[in-house]
Protein backbone atom coordinates (compact mmCIF):
# COMPACT_ATOMS: atom_id res chain seq x y z
CA MET A 1 111.89 131.55 90.67
CA GLY A 2 111.11 129.44 92.91
CA GLN A 3 110.90 125.12 92.66
CA GLN A 4 109.05 124.00 90.84
CA ALA A 5 106.30 121.81 92.88
CA VAL A 6 102.85 120.32 92.33
CA ILE A 7 100.29 120.32 94.94
CA TYR A 8 98.64 116.92 96.02
CA ALA A 9 95.49 117.05 97.95
CA ARG A 10 93.77 113.08 98.70
CA VAL A 11 90.48 112.67 100.79
CA SER A 12 89.08 109.33 100.69
CA THR A 13 85.67 109.53 100.59
CA ASN A 14 83.10 111.05 98.18
CA ASP A 15 81.31 113.13 100.82
CA GLN A 16 84.69 114.91 101.33
CA SER A 17 86.49 117.79 99.44
CA CYS A 18 89.87 118.29 98.51
CA GLU A 19 89.63 122.22 98.54
CA ARG A 20 90.30 122.83 101.93
CA GLN A 21 93.93 121.51 101.32
CA ILE A 22 94.15 123.15 98.11
CA ALA A 23 93.73 126.52 99.61
CA ASP A 24 96.15 125.55 102.30
CA LEU A 25 98.83 124.14 99.79
CA THR A 26 98.27 127.43 97.31
CA ALA A 27 99.11 129.43 100.12
CA PHE A 28 102.11 127.41 101.70
CA ALA A 29 103.46 127.28 98.19
CA GLU A 30 103.62 131.62 97.73
CA ARG A 31 105.00 131.86 100.97
CA GLY A 32 107.31 129.31 100.27
CA GLY A 33 108.22 130.13 96.89
CA PHE A 34 107.78 127.63 95.58
CA GLU A 35 106.43 128.09 91.08
CA VAL A 36 103.14 125.41 91.47
CA ILE A 37 103.33 124.48 88.15
CA ARG A 38 99.85 121.67 88.55
CA GLU A 39 97.24 120.78 91.24
CA PHE A 40 96.06 116.85 91.98
CA LYS A 41 93.40 116.34 93.20
CA GLU A 42 92.30 112.02 94.46
CA THR A 43 89.50 110.79 96.27
CA ALA A 44 91.42 107.44 96.96
CA SER A 45 91.98 105.12 100.62
CA GLY A 46 95.25 105.95 101.31
CA THR A 47 96.35 102.68 101.36
CA THR A 48 95.77 102.17 98.22
CA SER A 49 99.16 102.27 95.96
CA ASN A 50 97.80 102.60 92.47
CA ARG A 51 96.34 106.32 92.65
CA ALA A 52 96.03 107.78 89.05
CA ALA A 53 96.91 111.60 90.44
CA ARG A 54 99.79 110.25 92.32
CA ASN A 55 100.86 108.85 89.22
CA GLN A 56 100.94 111.21 87.39
CA VAL A 57 102.93 113.02 89.63
CA MET A 58 105.15 110.50 90.16
CA ALA A 59 105.78 110.63 86.35
CA LEU A 60 106.17 114.40 86.34
CA ALA A 61 109.26 113.71 89.25
CA GLN A 62 109.95 111.03 86.44
CA ALA A 63 110.56 113.27 84.04
CA ARG A 64 112.54 115.63 85.97
CA GLU A 65 109.73 118.29 85.82
CA ILE A 66 109.45 119.47 88.81
CA ASP A 67 111.54 119.71 92.32
CA ALA A 68 108.37 119.39 95.19
CA VAL A 69 105.35 117.62 96.34
CA LEU A 70 103.49 119.69 98.67
CA VAL A 71 101.06 117.60 100.79
CA THR A 72 99.08 119.19 104.07
CA GLU A 73 100.56 115.89 105.68
CA LEU A 74 102.45 112.61 105.04
CA SER A 75 99.38 110.67 105.08
CA ARG A 76 98.05 112.20 102.70
CA TRP A 77 100.57 111.13 100.46
CA GLY A 78 100.36 107.55 101.51
CA ARG A 79 99.37 105.32 104.66
CA SER A 80 101.08 102.21 104.23
CA THR A 81 104.67 102.83 105.94
CA GLN A 82 105.77 100.20 103.05
CA ASP A 83 104.56 101.97 100.55
CA LEU A 84 105.25 105.84 101.72
CA LEU A 85 109.08 104.22 101.48
CA GLU A 86 109.19 102.90 98.86
CA THR A 87 107.57 105.99 96.75
CA LEU A 88 110.13 108.37 98.61
CA HIS A 89 112.93 106.27 97.78
CA LYS A 90 111.80 107.09 94.59
CA LEU A 91 111.32 110.35 94.70
CA ALA A 92 114.88 111.17 95.85
CA GLY A 93 116.33 109.42 93.08
CA TRP A 94 114.73 111.70 91.06
CA ASN A 95 115.83 114.36 93.78
CA VAL A 96 112.19 115.57 94.32
CA SER A 97 111.23 116.71 97.65
CA VAL A 98 108.40 116.15 99.60
CA VAL A 99 107.65 118.74 101.69
CA ALA A 100 104.34 118.51 104.34
CA ILE A 101 102.33 121.72 104.98
CA SER A 102 104.65 121.85 108.73
CA GLY A 103 107.26 122.88 106.53
CA MET A 104 108.79 119.29 107.27
CA THR A 105 110.77 118.03 104.08
CA PHE A 106 111.55 114.22 103.69
CA GLU A 107 114.52 114.33 101.61
CA LEU A 108 115.90 110.31 102.14
CA ASP A 109 119.52 111.30 101.57
CA SER A 110 120.93 111.92 105.18
CA PRO A 111 120.82 109.44 108.24
CA HIS A 112 118.38 112.56 110.20
CA GLY A 113 115.45 112.02 106.72
CA ARG A 114 115.42 108.19 106.64
CA MET A 115 114.72 108.19 110.04
CA MET A 116 111.85 110.63 109.94
CA ALA A 117 110.11 109.09 107.06
CA THR A 118 110.12 105.79 108.54
CA ILE A 119 109.17 107.17 111.83
CA LEU A 120 106.20 108.87 110.48
CA ALA A 121 105.49 106.02 107.85
CA GLY A 122 104.71 103.92 110.86
CA ILE A 123 102.53 106.50 112.67
CA ALA A 124 100.44 107.09 109.46
CA GLN A 125 99.99 103.04 109.49
CA PHE A 126 99.20 103.25 112.96
CA GLU A 127 96.80 105.60 112.53
CA ARG A 128 95.50 103.84 109.84
CA ASP A 129 94.96 99.98 111.49
CA LEU A 130 93.30 102.13 114.54
CA ILE A 131 90.74 103.85 112.07
CA SER A 132 90.16 100.17 110.65
CA GLU A 133 90.03 98.49 113.89
CA ARG A 134 86.84 101.51 115.19
CA VAL A 135 85.40 100.96 111.82
CA LYS A 136 84.67 97.35 112.49
CA SER A 137 84.41 97.66 115.81
CA GLY A 138 81.44 99.93 114.65
CA LEU A 139 80.20 97.42 112.34
CA ALA A 140 80.13 94.54 114.90
CA ALA A 141 78.04 96.35 117.39
CA ALA A 142 75.19 97.45 114.49
CA ARG A 143 75.24 93.71 113.75
CA ALA A 144 74.72 93.22 117.50
CA ARG A 145 72.02 95.61 117.84
CA GLY A 146 70.16 94.52 114.77
CA GLN A 147 71.14 96.73 112.13
CA LYS A 148 71.34 95.41 109.01
CA LEU A 149 74.61 96.27 106.78
CA GLY A 150 74.67 96.82 102.86
């Protein structure tokens, strides 16, 4: 029997679905020999640190009921660099890994793992900031054209 894991899938808006992530992660778990004990789906911004499903995953990790959290990409777990690193450190303290579908495992007990997690967290934050800038620019352009918004 493999490591006990949970699948964590997150989308940002209600018009999106977690189903593709769940299917991809289920197949990944089978190939990797993970025993999936639960699936968690969530609709919330990646910048929000207090998310119900993610909090449940953290509680399972703290109770030492899981060995790994499977995600499609690190940005699904979190987009804020500070939040991402804090949760990765907590998980590492409980000997729980975050494993991305690419096969990358984020374990912070080695210098290489800490460096990779920091770099990828920074990229996730940068991507989130770019999205925010594009949205603000689009809203300003719409207002300039006379569109009334919300």
